[in-house]
Each structure stands twice: as C-alpha cells, then as structure tokens.
Amino acid sequence: MWQQFAQKILNRLQLREAWVIFFVLGNVMINFPFLRIFNQPVSVIGYPVLFIYFMAGWAISIFVVYLFTLTLDEPEAAEQQEEQA
C-alpha cells in the first residue's frame, strides 16, 4: 500500500516538473530571440514564417496539454477499477 502511495506521489511530482518545463519553454519561445529569427520577409505557401511559427506552436501546445490530461485521467480510472473489484 505504501509503495503504491509513494509511486503516485512520484508520478505527480514528475508531472508537475514537466508542466513547469513546458511552461518555461513556451515563454522562451515567444521572447525576442525566437521572434527575431522567424520575423523574416519570407513566406511559405503564401504565409509569413512568423505566422506559421505561431500557429505551429499553438497546435503543439494544445497537443501537449492533451497528453498531460491523458496522464491525469489514468490514475483515477485505475483507482475506480480497484475499488469496484
């Protein structure tokens, strides 16, 4: 029982660390050096590179949040199945 409890705590701590890492990474990606790199007078398929950079970053951040929500739901579902058994 204590091992399961310790494992749950470790999983939550790792998840919190990952949230913090992705939050910091997201903030770094919208700061000056990266914006300067992608703010060029070049277009790809008729769209400016900066626009593509923002849209791709937005889509990737939504996907990462989706993955995090999947990891949050799994322990709760496992607990419910154990209680029913």
PDB file of N, CA and C in Angstrom:
ATOM      1  N   MET A   1       0.825  -1.191   0.000  1.00  0.00           N
ATOM      2  CA  MET A   1       0.000   0.000   0.000  1.00  0.00           C
ATOM      3  C   MET A   1       0.871   1.256   0.000  1.00  0.00           C
ATOM      4  N   TRP A   2       1.899   1.263   0.844  1.00  0.00           N
ATOM      5  CA  TRP A   2       2.775   2.435   0.907  1.00  0.00           C
ATOM      6  C   TRP A   2       3.563   2.603  -0.378  1.00  0.00           C
ATOM      7  N   GLN A   3       3.897   1.488  -1.018  1.00  0.00           N
ATOM      8  CA  GLN A   3       4.630   1.584  -2.281  1.00  0.00           C
ATOM      9  C   GLN A   3       3.765   2.208  -3.368  1.00  0.00           C
ATOM     10  N   GLN A   4       2.499   1.846  -3.398  1.00  0.00           N
ATOM     11  CA  GLN A   4       1.589   2.437  -4.372  1.00  0.00           C
ATOM     12  C   GLN A   4       1.421   3.928  -4.121  1.00  0.00           C
ATOM     13  N   PHE A   5       1.302   4.292  -2.847  1.00  0.00           N
ATOM     14  CA  PHE A   5       1.157   5.698  -2.481  1.00  0.00           C
ATOM     15  C   PHE A   5       2.399   6.488  -2.873  1.00  0.00           C
ATOM     16  N   ALA A   6       3.575   5.926  -2.602  1.00  0.00           N
ATOM     17  CA  ALA A   6       4.833   6.592  -2.960  1.00  0.00           C
ATOM     18  C   ALA A   6       4.958   6.710  -4.475  1.00  0.00           C
ATOM     19  N   GLN A   7       4.537   5.696  -5.206  1.00  0.00           N
ATOM     20  CA  GLN A   7       4.605   5.740  -6.665  1.00  0.00           C
ATOM     21  C   GLN A   7       3.684   6.816  -7.219  1.00  0.00           C
ATOM     22  N   LYS A   8       2.498   6.963  -6.646  1.00  0.00           N
ATOM     23  CA  LYS A   8       1.572   8.006  -7.091  1.00  0.00           C
ATOM     24  C   LYS A   8       2.158   9.394  -6.848  1.00  0.00           C
ATOM     25  N   ILE A   9       2.781   9.568  -5.700  1.00  0.00           N
ATOM     26  CA  ILE A   9       3.389  10.866  -5.393  1.00  0.00           C
ATOM     27  C   ILE A   9       4.522  11.166  -6.370  1.00  0.00           C
ATOM     28  N   LEU A  10       5.354  10.176  -6.661  1.00  0.00           N
ATOM     29  CA  LEU A  10       6.453  10.385  -7.609  1.00  0.00           C
ATOM     30  C   LEU A  10       5.929  10.712  -8.999  1.00  0.00           C
ATOM     31  N   ASN A  11       4.865  10.038  -9.419  1.00  0.00           N
ATOM     32  CA  ASN A  11       4.276  10.329 -10.736  1.00  0.00           C
ATOM     33  C   ASN A  11       3.741  11.753 -10.790  1.00  0.00           C
ATOM     34  N   ARG A  12       3.094  12.194  -9.712  1.00  0.00           N
ATOM     35  CA  ARG A  12       2.553  13.564  -9.673  1.00  0.00           C
ATOM     36  C   ARG A  12       3.672  14.587  -9.690  1.00  0.00           C
ATOM     37  N   LEU A  13       4.760  14.320  -8.960  1.00  0.00           N
ATOM     38  CA  LEU A  13       5.878  15.254  -8.942  1.00  0.00           C
ATOM     39  C   LEU A  13       6.524  15.353 -10.319  1.00  0.00           C
ATOM     40  N   GLN A  14       6.681  14.233 -10.993  1.00  0.00           N
ATOM     41  CA  GLN A  14       7.254  14.264 -12.335  1.00  0.00           C
ATOM     42  C   GLN A  14       6.339  15.014 -13.291  1.00  0.00           C
ATOM     43  N   LEU A  15       5.040  14.859 -13.126  1.00  0.00           N
ATOM     44  CA  LEU A  15       4.098  15.561 -13.967  1.00  0.00           C
ATOM     45  C   LEU A  15       4.178  17.066 -13.714  1.00  0.00           C
ATOM     46  N   ARG A  16       4.303  17.477 -12.450  1.00  0.00           N
ATOM     47  CA  ARG A  16       4.438  18.904 -12.135  1.00  0.00           C
ATOM     48  C   ARG A  16       5.716  19.474 -12.731  1.00  0.00           C
ATOM     49  N   GLU A  17       6.789  18.719 -12.660  1.00  0.00           N
ATOM     50  CA  GLU A  17       8.047  19.187 -13.243  1.00  0.00           C
ATOM     51  C   GLU A  17       7.910  19.352 -14.749  1.00  0.00           C
ATOM     52  N   ALA A  18       7.210  18.434 -15.384  1.00  0.00           N
ATOM     53  CA  ALA A  18       7.012  18.532 -16.833  1.00  0.00           C
ATOM     54  C   ALA A  18       6.166  19.755 -17.170  1.00  0.00           C
ATOM     55  N   TRP A  19       5.128  20.040 -16.374  1.00  0.00           N
ATOM     56  CA  TRP A  19       4.310  21.242 -16.589  1.00  0.00           C
ATOM     57  C   TRP A  19       5.174  22.489 -16.512  1.00  0.00           C
ATOM     58  N   VAL A  20       6.030  22.547 -15.508  1.00  0.00           N
ATOM     59  CA  VAL A  20       6.888  23.724 -15.331  1.00  0.00           C
ATOM     60  C   VAL A  20       7.857  23.852 -16.505  1.00  0.00           C
ATOM     61  N   ILE A  21       8.435  22.743 -16.923  1.00  0.00           N
ATOM     62  CA  ILE A  21       9.380  22.777 -18.048  1.00  0.00           C
ATOM     63  C   ILE A  21       8.691  23.275 -19.313  1.00  0.00           C
ATOM     64  N   PHE A  22       7.505  22.769 -19.615  1.00  0.00           N
ATOM     65  CA  PHE A  22       6.812  23.198 -20.826  1.00  0.00           C
ATOM     66  C   PHE A  22       6.321  24.637 -20.719  1.00  0.00           C
ATOM     67  N   PHE A  23       5.966  25.086 -19.524  1.00  0.00           N
ATOM     68  CA  PHE A  23       5.572  26.482 -19.332  1.00  0.00           C
ATOM     69  C   PHE A  23       6.746  27.410 -19.617  1.00  0.00           C
ATOM     70  N   VAL A  24       7.900  27.079 -19.057  1.00  0.00           N
ATOM     71  CA  VAL A  24       9.102  27.898 -19.284  1.00  0.00           C
ATOM     72  C   VAL A  24       9.493  27.858 -20.758  1.00  0.00           C
ATOM     73  N   LEU A  25       9.435  26.691 -21.365  1.00  0.00           N
ATOM     74  CA  LEU A  25       9.767  26.563 -22.778  1.00  0.00           C
ATOM     75  C   LEU A  25       8.822  27.406 -23.640  1.00  0.00           C
ATOM     76  N   GLY A  26       7.545  27.412 -23.313  1.00  0.00           N
ATOM     77  CA  GLY A  26       6.584  28.232 -24.050  1.00  0.00           C
ATOM     78  C   GLY A  26       6.885  29.710 -23.922  1.00  0.00           C
ATOM     79  N   ASN A  27       7.277  30.137 -22.731  1.00  0.00           N
ATOM     80  CA  ASN A  27       7.623  31.549 -22.550  1.00  0.00           C
ATOM     81  C   ASN A  27       8.891  31.917 -23.303  1.00  0.00           C
ATOM     82  N   VAL A  28       9.850  31.033 -23.323  1.00  0.00           N
ATOM     83  CA  VAL A  28      11.092  31.296 -24.053  1.00  0.00           C
ATOM     84  C   VAL A  28      10.810  31.388 -25.550  1.00  0.00           C
ATOM     85  N   MET A  29       9.919  30.539 -26.038  1.00  0.00           N
ATOM     86  CA  MET A  29       9.650  30.508 -27.472  1.00  0.00           C
ATOM     87  C   MET A  29       8.958  31.776 -27.978  1.00  0.00           C
ATOM     88  N   ILE A  30       8.323  32.558 -27.102  1.00  0.00           N
ATOM     89  CA  ILE A  30       7.668  33.784 -27.567  1.00  0.00           C
ATOM     90  C   ILE A  30       8.442  35.026 -27.149  1.00  0.00           C
ATOM     91  N   ASN A  31       9.709  34.885 -26.828  1.00  0.00           N
ATOM     92  CA  ASN A  31      10.543  36.029 -26.485  1.00  0.00           C
ATOM     93  C   ASN A  31      11.403  36.450 -27.667  1.00  0.00           C
ATOM     94  N   PHE A  32      12.142  37.523 -27.466  1.00  0.00           N
ATOM     95  CA  PHE A  32      12.837  38.226 -28.539  1.00  0.00           C
ATOM     96  C   PHE A  32      13.689  37.364 -29.463  1.00  0.00           C
ATOM     97  N   PRO A  33      14.610  36.546 -28.971  1.00  0.00           N
ATOM     98  CA  PRO A  33      15.488  35.877 -29.946  1.00  0.00           C
ATOM     99  C   PRO A  33      14.731  35.020 -30.956  1.00  0.00           C
ATOM    100  N   PHE A  34      13.730  34.286 -30.500  1.00  0.00           N
ATOM    101  CA  PHE A  34      12.992  33.418 -31.416  1.00  0.00           C
ATOM    102  C   PHE A  34      12.103  34.230 -32.348  1.00  0.00           C
ATOM    103  N   LEU A  35      11.483  35.282 -31.834  1.00  0.00           N
ATOM    104  CA  LEU A  35      10.661  36.110 -32.700  1.00  0.00           C
ATOM    105  C   LEU A  35      11.510  36.796 -33.762  1.00  0.00           C
ATOM    106  N   ARG A  36      12.715  37.190 -33.411  1.00  0.00           N
ATOM    107  CA  ARG A  36      13.618  37.821 -34.370  1.00  0.00           C
ATOM    108  C   ARG A  36      14.027  36.826 -35.473  1.00  0.00           C
ATOM    109  N   ILE A  37      14.243  35.583 -35.091  1.00  0.00           N
ATOM    110  CA  ILE A  37      14.628  34.566 -36.076  1.00  0.00           C
ATOM    111  C   ILE A  37      13.513  34.334 -37.089  1.00  0.00           C
ATOM    112  N   PHE A  38      12.268  34.255 -36.628  1.00  0.00           N
ATOM    113  CA  PHE A  38      11.165  33.906 -37.516  1.00  0.00           C
ATOM    114  C   PHE A  38      10.485  35.109 -38.158  1.00  0.00           C
ATOM    115  N   ASN A  39      10.830  36.316 -37.740  1.00  0.00           N
ATOM    116  CA  ASN A  39      10.234  37.507 -38.334  1.00  0.00           C
ATOM    117  C   ASN A  39      11.065  37.934 -39.536  1.00  0.00           C
ATOM    118  N   GLN A  40      10.923  37.199 -40.613  1.00  0.00           N
ATOM    119  CA  GLN A  40      11.672  37.431 -41.849  1.00  0.00           C
ATOM    120  C   GLN A  40      10.687  37.758 -42.972  1.00  0.00           C
ATOM    121  N   PRO A  41      11.148  38.493 -43.966  1.00  0.00           N
ATOM    122  CA  PRO A  41      10.253  38.818 -45.096  1.00  0.00           C
ATOM    123  C   PRO A  41      10.135  37.655 -46.088  1.00  0.00           C
ATOM    124  N   VAL A  42      10.034  36.452 -45.581  1.00  0.00           N
ATOM    125  CA  VAL A  42       9.924  35.253 -46.408  1.00  0.00           C
ATOM    126  C   VAL A  42       8.550  34.645 -46.149  1.00  0.00           C
ATOM    127  N   SER A  43       7.969  34.081 -47.187  1.00  0.00           N
ATOM    128  CA  SER A  43       6.678  33.424 -46.995  1.00  0.00           C
ATOM    129  C   SER A  43       6.767  31.974 -47.463  1.00  0.00           C
ATOM    130  N   VAL A  44       6.022  31.127 -46.781  1.00  0.00           N
ATOM    131  CA  VAL A  44       5.938  29.711 -47.137  1.00  0.00           C
ATOM    132  C   VAL A  44       4.480  29.439 -47.489  1.00  0.00           C
ATOM    133  N   ILE A  45       4.253  29.023 -48.710  1.00  0.00           N
ATOM    134  CA  ILE A  45       2.907  28.773 -49.238  1.00  0.00           C
ATOM    135  C   ILE A  45       2.036  30.023 -49.077  1.00  0.00           C
ATOM    136  N   GLY A  46       2.631  31.178 -49.194  1.00  0.00           N
ATOM    137  CA  GLY A  46       1.893  32.425 -49.129  1.00  0.00           C
ATOM    138  C   GLY A  46       1.681  32.975 -47.726  1.00  0.00           C
ATOM    139  N   TYR A  47       2.157  32.286 -46.695  1.00  0.00           N
ATOM    140  CA  TYR A  47       2.014  32.749 -45.316  1.00  0.00           C
ATOM    141  C   TYR A  47       3.368  33.179 -44.767  1.00  0.00           C
ATOM    142  N   PRO A  48       3.387  34.257 -44.001  1.00  0.00           N
ATOM    143  CA  PRO A  48       4.664  34.664 -43.393  1.00  0.00           C
ATOM    144  C   PRO A  48       5.174  33.592 -42.422  1.00  0.00           C
ATOM    145  N   VAL A  49       6.481  33.494 -42.302  1.00  0.00           N
ATOM    146  CA  VAL A  49       7.102  32.472 -41.461  1.00  0.00           C
ATOM    147  C   VAL A  49       6.710  32.683 -39.996  1.00  0.00           C
ATOM    148  N   LEU A  50       6.588  33.921 -39.550  1.00  0.00           N
ATOM    149  CA  LEU A  50       6.205  34.191 -38.162  1.00  0.00           C
ATOM    150  C   LEU A  50       4.803  33.663 -37.866  1.00  0.00           C
ATOM    151  N   PHE A  51       3.890  33.822 -38.813  1.00  0.00           N
ATOM    152  CA  PHE A  51       2.525  33.304 -38.658  1.00  0.00           C
ATOM    153  C   PHE A  51       2.544  31.782 -38.526  1.00  0.00           C
ATOM    154  N   ILE A  52       3.312  31.114 -39.369  1.00  0.00           N
ATOM    155  CA  ILE A  52       3.420  29.653 -39.310  1.00  0.00           C
ATOM    156  C   ILE A  52       4.033  29.224 -37.975  1.00  0.00           C
ATOM    157  N   TYR A  53       5.039  29.966 -37.519  1.00  0.00           N
ATOM    158  CA  TYR A  53       5.680  29.671 -36.231  1.00  0.00           C
ATOM    159  C   TYR A  53       4.667  29.744 -35.087  1.00  0.00           C
ATOM    160  N   PHE A  54       3.859  30.801 -35.060  1.00  0.00           N
ATOM    161  CA  PHE A  54       2.850  30.932 -34.001  1.00  0.00           C
ATOM    162  C   PHE A  54       1.780  29.850 -34.091  1.00  0.00           C
ATOM    163  N   MET A  55       1.307  29.557 -35.285  1.00  0.00           N
ATOM    164  CA  MET A  55       0.258  28.549 -35.436  1.00  0.00           C
ATOM    165  C   MET A  55       0.774  27.151 -35.086  1.00  0.00           C
ATOM    166  N   ALA A  56       1.993  26.836 -35.477  1.00  0.00           N
ATOM    167  CA  ALA A  56       2.565  25.531 -35.134  1.00  0.00           C
ATOM    168  C   ALA A  56       2.799  25.425 -33.632  1.00  0.00           C
ATOM    169  N   GLY A  57       3.296  26.485 -33.018  1.00  0.00           N
ATOM    170  CA  GLY A  57       3.499  26.486 -31.567  1.00  0.00           C
ATOM    171  C   GLY A  57       2.186  26.341 -30.817  1.00  0.00           C
ATOM    172  N   TRP A  58       1.155  26.987 -31.309  1.00  0.00           N
ATOM    173  CA  TRP A  58      -0.167  26.900 -30.688  1.00  0.00           C
ATOM    174  C   TRP A  58      -0.696  25.473 -30.775  1.00  0.00           C
ATOM    175  N   ALA A  59      -0.584  24.860 -31.939  1.00  0.00           N
ATOM    176  CA  ALA A  59      -1.076  23.487 -32.118  1.00  0.00           C
ATOM    177  C   ALA A  59      -0.278  22.503 -31.255  1.00  0.00           C
ATOM    178  N   ILE A  60       1.020  22.678 -31.198  1.00  0.00           N
ATOM    179  CA  ILE A  60       1.852  21.785 -30.390  1.00  0.00           C
ATOM    180  C   ILE A  60       1.540  21.949 -28.911  1.00  0.00           C
ATOM    181  N   SER A  61       1.300  23.180 -28.461  1.00  0.00           N
ATOM    182  CA  SER A  61       0.981  23.381 -27.043  1.00  0.00           C
ATOM    183  C   SER A  61      -0.361  22.743 -26.685  1.00  0.00           C
ATOM    184  N   ILE A  62      -1.333  22.806 -27.575  1.00  0.00           N
ATOM    185  CA  ILE A  62      -2.616  22.141 -27.326  1.00  0.00           C
ATOM    186  C   ILE A  62      -2.427  20.633 -27.247  1.00  0.00           C
ATOM    187  N   PHE A  63      -1.602  20.079 -28.124  1.00  0.00           N
ATOM    188  CA  PHE A  63      -1.337  18.648 -28.104  1.00  0.00           C
ATOM    189  C   PHE A  63      -0.648  18.230 -26.807  1.00  0.00           C
ATOM    190  N   VAL A  64       0.291  19.035 -26.325  1.00  0.00           N
ATOM    191  CA  VAL A  64       0.994  18.716 -25.071  1.00  0.00           C
ATOM    192  C   VAL A  64       0.020  18.755 -23.896  1.00  0.00           C
ATOM    193  N   VAL A  65      -0.852  19.743 -23.856  1.00  0.00           N
ATOM    194  CA  VAL A  65      -1.853  19.802 -22.785  1.00  0.00           C
ATOM    195  C   VAL A  65      -2.776  18.589 -22.866  1.00  0.00           C
ATOM    196  N   TYR A  66      -3.134  18.177 -24.061  1.00  0.00           N
ATOM    197  CA  TYR A  66      -3.957  16.974 -24.229  1.00  0.00           C
ATOM    198  C   TYR A  66      -3.249  15.747 -23.666  1.00  0.00           C
ATOM    199  N   LEU A  67      -1.959  15.606 -23.952  1.00  0.00           N
ATOM    200  CA  LEU A  67      -1.202  14.467 -23.412  1.00  0.00           C
ATOM    201  C   LEU A  67      -1.156  14.507 -21.889  1.00  0.00           C
ATOM    202  N   PHE A  68      -0.996  15.704 -21.326  1.00  0.00           N
ATOM    203  CA  PHE A  68      -0.994  15.822 -19.867  1.00  0.00           C
ATOM    204  C   PHE A  68      -2.336  15.429 -19.274  1.00  0.00           C
ATOM    205  N   THR A  69      -3.427  15.804 -19.921  1.00  0.00           N
ATOM    206  CA  THR A  69      -4.734  15.431 -19.389  1.00  0.00           C
ATOM    207  C   THR A  69      -4.953  13.929 -19.460  1.00  0.00           C
ATOM    208  N   LEU A  70      -4.384  13.274 -20.459  1.00  0.00           N
ATOM    209  CA  LEU A  70      -4.488  11.813 -20.521  1.00  0.00           C
ATOM    210  C   LEU A  70      -3.772  11.166 -19.346  1.00  0.00           C
ATOM    211  N   THR A  71      -2.628  11.691 -18.963  1.00  0.00           N
ATOM    212  CA  THR A  71      -1.895  11.118 -17.837  1.00  0.00           C
ATOM    213  C   THR A  71      -2.597  11.394 -16.520  1.00  0.00           C
ATOM    214  N   LEU A  72      -3.360  12.466 -16.433  1.00  0.00           N
ATOM    215  CA  LEU A  72      -4.091  12.751 -15.211  1.00  0.00           C
ATOM    216  C   LEU A  72      -5.292  11.831 -15.037  1.00  0.00           C
ATOM    217  N   ASP A  73      -5.931  11.438 -16.129  1.00  0.00           N
ATOM    218  CA  ASP A  73      -7.127  10.604 -16.055  1.00  0.00           C
ATOM    219  C   ASP A  73      -6.816   9.151 -15.743  1.00  0.00           C
ATOM    220  N   GLU A  74      -5.670   8.652 -16.148  1.00  0.00           N
ATOM    221  CA  GLU A  74      -5.356   7.242 -15.972  1.00  0.00           C
ATOM    222  C   GLU A  74      -5.301   6.798 -14.510  1.00  0.00           C
ATOM    223  N   PRO A  75      -4.619   7.501 -13.602  1.00  0.00           N
ATOM    224  CA  PRO A  75      -4.602   7.038 -12.209  1.00  0.00           C
ATOM    225  C   PRO A  75      -5.987   7.015 -11.578  1.00  0.00           C
ATOM    226  N   GLU A  76      -6.837   7.976 -11.909  1.00  0.00           N
ATOM    227  CA  GLU A  76      -8.175   7.997 -11.341  1.00  0.00           C
ATOM    228  C   GLU A  76      -8.999   6.812 -11.850  1.00  0.00           C
ATOM    229  N   ALA A  77      -8.866   6.489 -13.112  1.00  0.00           N
ATOM    230  CA  ALA A  77      -9.598   5.348 -13.680  1.00  0.00           C
ATOM    231  C   ALA A  77      -9.113   4.043 -13.052  1.00  0.00           C
ATOM    232  N   ALA A  78      -7.819   3.933 -12.808  1.00  0.00           N
ATOM    233  CA  ALA A  78      -7.269   2.731 -12.198  1.00  0.00           C
ATOM    234  C   ALA A  78      -7.768   2.590 -10.765  1.00  0.00           C
ATOM    235  N   GLU A  79      -7.875   3.677 -10.033  1.00  0.00           N
ATOM    236  CA  GLU A  79      -8.382   3.628  -8.659  1.00  0.00           C
ATOM    237  C   GLU A  79      -9.842   3.180  -8.636  1.00  0.00           C
ATOM    238  N   GLN A  80     -10.637   3.676  -9.570  1.00  0.00           N
ATOM    239  CA  GLN A  80     -12.040   3.285  -9.613  1.00  0.00           C
ATOM    240  C   GLN A  80     -12.189   1.806  -9.929  1.00  0.00           C
ATOM    241  N   GLN A  81     -11.361   1.288 -10.808  1.00  0.00           N
ATOM    242  CA  GLN A  81     -11.435  -0.136 -11.141  1.00  0.00           C
ATOM    243  C   GLN A  81     -11.021  -0.994  -9.954  1.00  0.00           C
ATOM    244  N   GLU A  82     -10.036  -0.546  -9.174  1.00  0.00           N
ATOM    245  CA  GLU A  82      -9.604  -1.295  -7.998  1.00  0.00           C
ATOM    246  C   GLU A  82     -10.696  -1.301  -6.937  1.00  0.00           C
ATOM    247  N   GLU A  83     -11.404  -0.187  -6.775  1.00  0.00           N
ATOM    248  CA  GLU A  83     -12.468  -0.108  -5.780  1.00  0.00           C
ATOM    249  C   GLU A  83     -13.642  -1.013  -6.140  1.00  0.00           C
ATOM    250  N   GLN A  84     -13.934  -1.128  -7.436  1.00  0.00           N
ATOM    251  CA  GLN A  84     -15.057  -1.953  -7.871  1.00  0.00           C
ATOM    252  C   GLN A  84     -14.751  -3.442  -7.744  1.00  0.00           C
ATOM    253  N   ALA A  85     -13.487  -3.816  -7.811  1.00  0.00           N
ATOM    254  CA  ALA A  85     -13.115  -5.231  -7.754  1.00  0.00           C
ATOM    255  C   ALA A  85     -13.142  -5.771  -6.356  1.00  0.00           C
TER     256      ALA A  85
END
